[in-house]
């Protein structure tokens, strides 16, 4: 998955945090929901503008960021 097609970073939106498709929903919002044991269906119900692909993009973004963090530290 190419998360760059879904994740946007705009300095004037949500303080420059990574957001989904230019909306005000951040990657953090989705990851925090997943971490609090919400199901994908519950997240999509809470954020009706999101899609299954948006959630996958958030996970891919987080995985890529983690991989880059480990490369810098190592």
C-alpha atoms as a PDB file:
ATOM      1  CA  UNK A   1       0.000   0.000   0.000  1.00  0.00           C
ATOM      2  CA  UNK A   2       1.221   3.484  -0.857  1.00  0.00           C
ATOM      3  CA  UNK A   3       0.113   5.430   2.207  1.00  0.00           C
ATOM      4  CA  UNK A   4       1.296   8.687   0.612  1.00  0.00           C
ATOM      5  CA  UNK A   5      -1.886   8.583  -1.468  1.00  0.00           C
ATOM      6  CA  UNK A   6      -3.921   8.863   1.757  1.00  0.00           C
ATOM      7  CA  UNK A   7      -1.822  10.675   4.367  1.00  0.00           C
ATOM      8  CA  UNK A   8      -1.302  14.421   4.038  1.00  0.00           C
ATOM      9  CA  UNK A   9       0.709  16.864   6.112  1.00  0.00           C
ATOM     10  CA  UNK A  10      -0.306  20.503   5.918  1.00  0.00           C
ATOM     11  CA  UNK A  11       1.328  23.040   8.260  1.00  0.00           C
ATOM     12  CA  UNK A  12      -1.922  24.986   8.717  1.00  0.00           C
ATOM     13  CA  UNK A  13      -4.084  21.933   9.492  1.00  0.00           C
ATOM     14  CA  UNK A  14      -4.046  20.269  12.928  1.00  0.00           C
ATOM     15  CA  UNK A  15      -0.642  21.776  13.667  1.00  0.00           C
ATOM     16  CA  UNK A  16       1.032  19.952  10.811  1.00  0.00           C
ATOM     17  CA  UNK A  17       0.125  16.504  12.132  1.00  0.00           C
ATOM     18  CA  UNK A  18      -0.338  13.744   9.557  1.00  0.00           C
ATOM     19  CA  UNK A  19      -4.006  13.720   8.497  1.00  0.00           C
ATOM     20  CA  UNK A  20      -6.102  11.506   6.272  1.00  0.00           C
ATOM     21  CA  UNK A  21      -6.831  12.800   2.761  1.00  0.00           C
ATOM     22  CA  UNK A  22      -6.671  16.449   3.797  1.00  0.00           C
ATOM     23  CA  UNK A  23      -9.402  16.016   6.401  1.00  0.00           C
ATOM     24  CA  UNK A  24      -8.983  17.051  10.017  1.00  0.00           C
ATOM     25  CA  UNK A  25      -8.835  13.407  11.126  1.00  0.00           C
ATOM     26  CA  UNK A  26      -5.267  12.598  12.153  1.00  0.00           C
ATOM     27  CA  UNK A  27      -3.358   9.360  11.871  1.00  0.00           C
ATOM     28  CA  UNK A  28      -3.091   9.565  15.661  1.00  0.00           C
ATOM     29  CA  UNK A  29      -6.899   9.642  15.996  1.00  0.00           C
ATOM     30  CA  UNK A  30      -7.168   6.369  14.100  1.00  0.00           C
ATOM     31  CA  UNK A  31      -4.209   4.674  15.793  1.00  0.00           C
ATOM     32  CA  UNK A  32      -5.447   5.733  19.224  1.00  0.00           C
ATOM     33  CA  UNK A  33      -8.864   4.281  18.432  1.00  0.00           C
ATOM     34  CA  UNK A  34      -7.280   0.995  17.362  1.00  0.00           C
ATOM     35  CA  UNK A  35      -5.085   0.953  20.482  1.00  0.00           C
ATOM     36  CA  UNK A  36      -8.161   1.424  22.667  1.00  0.00           C
ATOM     37  CA  UNK A  37      -9.542  -1.813  21.213  1.00  0.00           C
ATOM     38  CA  UNK A  38     -12.105  -0.280  18.858  1.00  0.00           C
ATOM     39  CA  UNK A  39     -12.970  -2.419  15.872  1.00  0.00           C
ATOM     40  CA  UNK A  40     -12.642  -1.134  12.332  1.00  0.00           C
ATOM     41  CA  UNK A  41     -16.440  -1.025  12.107  1.00  0.00           C
ATOM     42  CA  UNK A  42     -16.629   1.145  15.245  1.00  0.00           C
ATOM     43  CA  UNK A  43     -13.974   3.523  13.900  1.00  0.00           C
ATOM     44  CA  UNK A  44     -15.794   3.820  10.581  1.00  0.00           C
ATOM     45  CA  UNK A  45     -19.002   4.527  12.487  1.00  0.00           C
ATOM     46  CA  UNK A  46     -17.299   7.257  14.569  1.00  0.00           C
ATOM     47  CA  UNK A  47     -15.585   8.724  11.501  1.00  0.00           C
ATOM     48  CA  UNK A  48     -18.026   8.158   8.608  1.00  0.00           C
ATOM     49  CA  UNK A  49     -15.752   9.934   6.112  1.00  0.00           C
ATOM     50  CA  UNK A  50     -13.057   7.269   6.573  1.00  0.00           C
ATOM     51  CA  UNK A  51     -12.665   4.105   4.522  1.00  0.00           C
ATOM     52  CA  UNK A  52     -11.039   0.745   5.122  1.00  0.00           C
ATOM     53  CA  UNK A  53      -8.129   1.927   2.952  1.00  0.00           C
ATOM     54  CA  UNK A  54      -7.667   5.013   5.150  1.00  0.00           C
ATOM     55  CA  UNK A  55      -7.234   2.809   8.218  1.00  0.00           C
ATOM     56  CA  UNK A  56      -4.751   0.586   6.369  1.00  0.00           C
ATOM     57  CA  UNK A  57      -2.853   3.703   5.283  1.00  0.00           C
ATOM     58  CA  UNK A  58      -2.578   4.830   8.920  1.00  0.00           C
ATOM     59  CA  UNK A  59      -1.089   1.475   9.863  1.00  0.00           C
ATOM     60  CA  UNK A  60       1.320   1.563   6.916  1.00  0.00           C
ATOM     61  CA  UNK A  61       2.350   5.128   7.825  1.00  0.00           C
ATOM     62  CA  UNK A  62       3.015   4.114  11.431  1.00  0.00           C
ATOM     63  CA  UNK A  63       5.014   1.059  10.348  1.00  0.00           C
ATOM     64  CA  UNK A  64       7.118   3.142   7.967  1.00  0.00           C
ATOM     65  CA  UNK A  65       7.740   5.799  10.611  1.00  0.00           C
ATOM     66  CA  UNK A  66       8.779   3.123  13.112  1.00  0.00           C
ATOM     67  CA  UNK A  67      11.132   1.515  10.599  1.00  0.00           C
ATOM     68  CA  UNK A  68      12.754   4.902   9.871  1.00  0.00           C
ATOM     69  CA  UNK A  69      13.075   5.639  13.591  1.00  0.00           C
ATOM     70  CA  UNK A  70      14.881   2.342  14.170  1.00  0.00           C
ATOM     71  CA  UNK A  71      17.270   3.036  11.280  1.00  0.00           C
ATOM     72  CA  UNK A  72      18.220   6.444  12.717  1.00  0.00           C
ATOM     73  CA  UNK A  73      18.807   5.131  16.243  1.00  0.00           C
ATOM     74  CA  UNK A  74      20.739   2.040  15.193  1.00  0.00           C
END
